[in-house]
Amino acid sequence: MTILAVFRSRSETLAFTAALRNLGAPVQAVNTPKEAGVGCGISARFEDGFLPRARRALQAGRYASFAGFMRRSGRSFEYL
């Protein structure tokens, strides 16, 4: 299942994406869905099996703009 890491900062999204890649997770920067309610415009997309690595990447970095994780629910996304 697809997970999005949503940020309020484009630069933090890109830094997080790089950090997650360094942990061996396939991740992409994608458009943030409107359901997120944040304005940065991009999020990090990865599969749910990599969520533990994503949590580690968050703990290791300073991501003040992190808004939360979203999971696909039908045709839209919802916060975990």
N, C-alpha and C. Protein backbone atom coordinates (compact mmCIF):
# COMPACT_ATOMS: atom_id res chain seq x y z
N MET A 1 0.84 -1.17 0.00
CA MET A 1 0.00 0.00 0.00
C MET A 1 0.90 1.25 0.00
N THR A 2 0.46 2.26 -0.66
CA THR A 2 1.23 3.50 -0.78
C THR A 2 1.10 4.38 0.45
N ILE A 3 2.24 4.90 0.91
CA ILE A 3 2.30 5.83 2.03
C ILE A 3 2.92 7.13 1.52
N LEU A 4 2.42 8.26 2.03
CA LEU A 4 3.01 9.56 1.76
C LEU A 4 3.51 10.16 3.05
N ALA A 5 4.70 10.71 3.02
CA ALA A 5 5.22 11.53 4.12
C ALA A 5 4.99 12.98 3.67
N VAL A 6 4.15 13.68 4.41
CA VAL A 6 3.72 15.03 4.03
C VAL A 6 4.49 16.06 4.84
N PHE A 7 5.01 17.05 4.14
CA PHE A 7 5.77 18.14 4.75
C PHE A 7 5.20 19.48 4.32
N ARG A 8 5.45 20.51 5.11
CA ARG A 8 5.05 21.87 4.76
C ARG A 8 6.16 22.61 4.02
N SER A 9 7.31 21.97 3.85
CA SER A 9 8.48 22.58 3.22
C SER A 9 8.98 21.69 2.09
N ARG A 10 9.14 22.28 0.91
CA ARG A 10 9.66 21.52 -0.23
C ARG A 10 11.08 21.05 0.04
N SER A 11 11.91 21.92 0.62
CA SER A 11 13.31 21.54 0.86
C SER A 11 13.40 20.39 1.85
N GLU A 12 12.54 20.38 2.87
CA GLU A 12 12.56 19.27 3.83
C GLU A 12 12.04 17.98 3.19
N THR A 13 11.08 18.09 2.29
CA THR A 13 10.60 16.91 1.57
C THR A 13 11.74 16.28 0.79
N LEU A 14 12.48 17.12 0.07
CA LEU A 14 13.59 16.60 -0.74
C LEU A 14 14.72 16.05 0.13
N ALA A 15 14.99 16.69 1.26
CA ALA A 15 16.01 16.18 2.18
C ALA A 15 15.59 14.83 2.76
N PHE A 16 14.32 14.71 3.14
CA PHE A 16 13.79 13.45 3.67
C PHE A 16 13.86 12.36 2.61
N THR A 17 13.50 12.69 1.38
CA THR A 17 13.55 11.72 0.28
C THR A 17 14.97 11.19 0.11
N ALA A 18 15.95 12.07 0.15
CA ALA A 18 17.35 11.65 0.04
C ALA A 18 17.75 10.78 1.22
N ALA A 19 17.33 11.15 2.42
CA ALA A 19 17.67 10.36 3.61
C ALA A 19 17.06 8.96 3.54
N LEU A 20 15.83 8.87 3.07
CA LEU A 20 15.16 7.58 2.96
C LEU A 20 15.82 6.72 1.89
N ARG A 21 16.23 7.33 0.80
CA ARG A 21 16.98 6.58 -0.23
C ARG A 21 18.28 6.03 0.33
N ASN A 22 18.94 6.83 1.16
CA ASN A 22 20.19 6.38 1.78
C ASN A 22 19.98 5.19 2.71
N LEU A 23 18.75 5.00 3.18
CA LEU A 23 18.41 3.84 4.01
C LEU A 23 17.94 2.66 3.16
N GLY A 24 18.04 2.80 1.84
CA GLY A 24 17.72 1.70 0.95
C GLY A 24 16.27 1.59 0.53
N ALA A 25 15.49 2.62 0.77
CA ALA A 25 14.07 2.56 0.41
C ALA A 25 13.82 3.24 -0.93
N PRO A 26 13.07 2.59 -1.81
CA PRO A 26 12.68 3.26 -3.05
C PRO A 26 11.61 4.31 -2.73
N VAL A 27 11.90 5.55 -3.02
CA VAL A 27 11.02 6.67 -2.66
C VAL A 27 11.02 7.67 -3.80
N GLN A 28 9.88 8.34 -3.96
CA GLN A 28 9.74 9.35 -5.00
C GLN A 28 9.12 10.60 -4.41
N ALA A 29 9.50 11.74 -4.95
CA ALA A 29 8.82 13.00 -4.63
C ALA A 29 7.62 13.11 -5.58
N VAL A 30 6.44 13.33 -4.99
CA VAL A 30 5.20 13.38 -5.78
C VAL A 30 4.36 14.58 -5.33
N ASN A 31 3.35 14.91 -6.12
CA ASN A 31 2.43 15.97 -5.74
C ASN A 31 1.68 15.59 -4.47
N THR A 32 1.52 16.54 -3.59
CA THR A 32 0.76 16.32 -2.36
C THR A 32 -0.73 16.39 -2.69
N PRO A 33 -1.52 15.39 -2.24
CA PRO A 33 -2.95 15.44 -2.52
C PRO A 33 -3.63 16.55 -1.71
N LYS A 34 -4.73 17.05 -2.24
CA LYS A 34 -5.44 18.14 -1.56
C LYS A 34 -5.96 17.73 -0.19
N GLU A 35 -6.19 16.44 0.04
CA GLU A 35 -6.67 15.96 1.34
C GLU A 35 -5.67 16.25 2.46
N ALA A 36 -4.41 16.48 2.11
CA ALA A 36 -3.38 16.73 3.12
C ALA A 36 -3.59 18.08 3.80
N GLY A 37 -4.12 19.05 3.09
CA GLY A 37 -4.38 20.35 3.68
C GLY A 37 -3.13 21.16 3.96
N VAL A 38 -2.04 20.89 3.25
CA VAL A 38 -0.81 21.66 3.40
C VAL A 38 -0.43 22.23 2.04
N GLY A 39 0.36 23.29 2.04
CA GLY A 39 0.59 23.99 0.81
C GLY A 39 1.91 23.77 0.10
N CYS A 40 2.77 22.91 0.57
CA CYS A 40 4.10 22.81 -0.04
C CYS A 40 4.05 22.23 -1.45
N GLY A 41 3.15 21.33 -1.71
CA GLY A 41 3.00 20.82 -3.06
C GLY A 41 3.65 19.49 -3.35
N ILE A 42 4.67 19.08 -2.58
CA ILE A 42 5.27 17.76 -2.83
C ILE A 42 5.40 16.97 -1.53
N SER A 43 5.29 15.66 -1.69
CA SER A 43 5.42 14.72 -0.57
C SER A 43 6.36 13.60 -1.00
N ALA A 44 6.76 12.77 -0.06
CA ALA A 44 7.58 11.60 -0.35
C ALA A 44 6.68 10.37 -0.38
N ARG A 45 6.71 9.63 -1.49
CA ARG A 45 5.87 8.44 -1.64
C ARG A 45 6.73 7.18 -1.57
N PHE A 46 6.25 6.19 -0.79
CA PHE A 46 6.95 4.91 -0.66
C PHE A 46 5.92 3.86 -0.27
N GLU A 47 6.32 2.62 -0.30
CA GLU A 47 5.41 1.53 0.06
C GLU A 47 5.44 1.29 1.57
N ASP A 48 4.34 0.81 2.12
CA ASP A 48 4.18 0.69 3.58
C ASP A 48 5.21 -0.21 4.25
N GLY A 49 5.82 -1.12 3.52
CA GLY A 49 6.86 -1.97 4.09
C GLY A 49 8.10 -1.17 4.52
N PHE A 50 8.23 0.03 4.00
CA PHE A 50 9.38 0.89 4.33
C PHE A 50 9.04 1.92 5.40
N LEU A 51 7.86 1.84 6.00
CA LEU A 51 7.47 2.80 7.03
C LEU A 51 8.42 2.81 8.22
N PRO A 52 8.92 1.66 8.71
CA PRO A 52 9.90 1.72 9.81
C PRO A 52 11.16 2.51 9.43
N ARG A 53 11.63 2.35 8.20
CA ARG A 53 12.79 3.12 7.77
C ARG A 53 12.46 4.62 7.68
N ALA A 54 11.26 4.92 7.24
CA ALA A 54 10.84 6.32 7.16
C ALA A 54 10.80 6.94 8.55
N ARG A 55 10.31 6.20 9.52
CA ARG A 55 10.28 6.71 10.90
C ARG A 55 11.71 6.94 11.42
N ARG A 56 12.62 6.04 11.07
CA ARG A 56 14.03 6.22 11.47
C ARG A 56 14.62 7.46 10.83
N ALA A 57 14.33 7.67 9.55
CA ALA A 57 14.84 8.85 8.85
C ALA A 57 14.30 10.13 9.50
N LEU A 58 13.04 10.11 9.91
CA LEU A 58 12.46 11.28 10.59
C LEU A 58 13.16 11.56 11.92
N GLN A 59 13.43 10.51 12.68
CA GLN A 59 14.08 10.68 13.97
C GLN A 59 15.51 11.17 13.83
N ALA A 60 16.18 10.76 12.76
CA ALA A 60 17.58 11.12 12.56
C ALA A 60 17.75 12.55 12.06
N GLY A 61 16.72 13.09 11.41
CA GLY A 61 16.82 14.43 10.84
C GLY A 61 16.02 15.45 11.64
N ARG A 62 16.13 16.68 11.20
CA ARG A 62 15.34 17.75 11.81
C ARG A 62 14.33 18.22 10.78
N TYR A 63 13.12 17.75 10.93
CA TYR A 63 12.07 18.03 9.97
C TYR A 63 10.91 18.73 10.69
N ALA A 64 11.08 20.01 10.93
CA ALA A 64 10.07 20.78 11.66
C ALA A 64 8.77 20.91 10.88
N SER A 65 8.84 20.73 9.57
CA SER A 65 7.63 20.92 8.75
C SER A 65 6.88 19.62 8.49
N PHE A 66 7.28 18.52 9.11
CA PHE A 66 6.60 17.24 8.89
C PHE A 66 5.16 17.34 9.39
N ALA A 67 4.21 17.02 8.50
CA ALA A 67 2.78 17.11 8.84
C ALA A 67 2.18 15.76 9.19
N GLY A 68 2.80 14.66 8.75
CA GLY A 68 2.29 13.34 9.08
C GLY A 68 2.37 12.39 7.90
N PHE A 69 1.99 11.14 8.18
CA PHE A 69 1.94 10.12 7.14
C PHE A 69 0.50 9.95 6.68
N MET A 70 0.34 9.75 5.38
CA MET A 70 -0.98 9.48 4.81
C MET A 70 -0.93 8.14 4.10
N ARG A 71 -2.07 7.46 4.10
CA ARG A 71 -2.20 6.16 3.42
C ARG A 71 -3.36 6.26 2.43
N ARG A 72 -3.17 5.60 1.29
CA ARG A 72 -4.25 5.58 0.30
C ARG A 72 -5.45 4.86 0.89
N SER A 73 -6.60 5.47 0.71
CA SER A 73 -7.88 4.91 1.17
C SER A 73 -8.86 5.04 0.02
N GLY A 74 -9.01 3.96 -0.74
CA GLY A 74 -9.87 4.03 -1.92
C GLY A 74 -9.21 4.91 -2.97
N ARG A 75 -9.91 5.96 -3.36
CA ARG A 75 -9.38 6.87 -4.39
C ARG A 75 -8.73 8.12 -3.79
N SER A 76 -8.67 8.20 -2.49
CA SER A 76 -8.08 9.38 -1.84
C SER A 76 -7.06 8.93 -0.79
N PHE A 77 -6.57 9.89 -0.03
CA PHE A 77 -5.61 9.61 1.03
C PHE A 77 -6.18 10.09 2.36
N GLU A 78 -5.74 9.43 3.46
CA GLU A 78 -6.12 9.86 4.80
C GLU A 78 -4.90 9.74 5.72
N TYR A 79 -4.87 10.60 6.74
CA TYR A 79 -3.75 10.55 7.69
C TYR A 79 -3.83 9.29 8.52
N LEU A 80 -2.68 8.72 8.84
CA LEU A 80 -2.61 7.52 9.71
C LEU A 80 -2.92 7.91 11.13
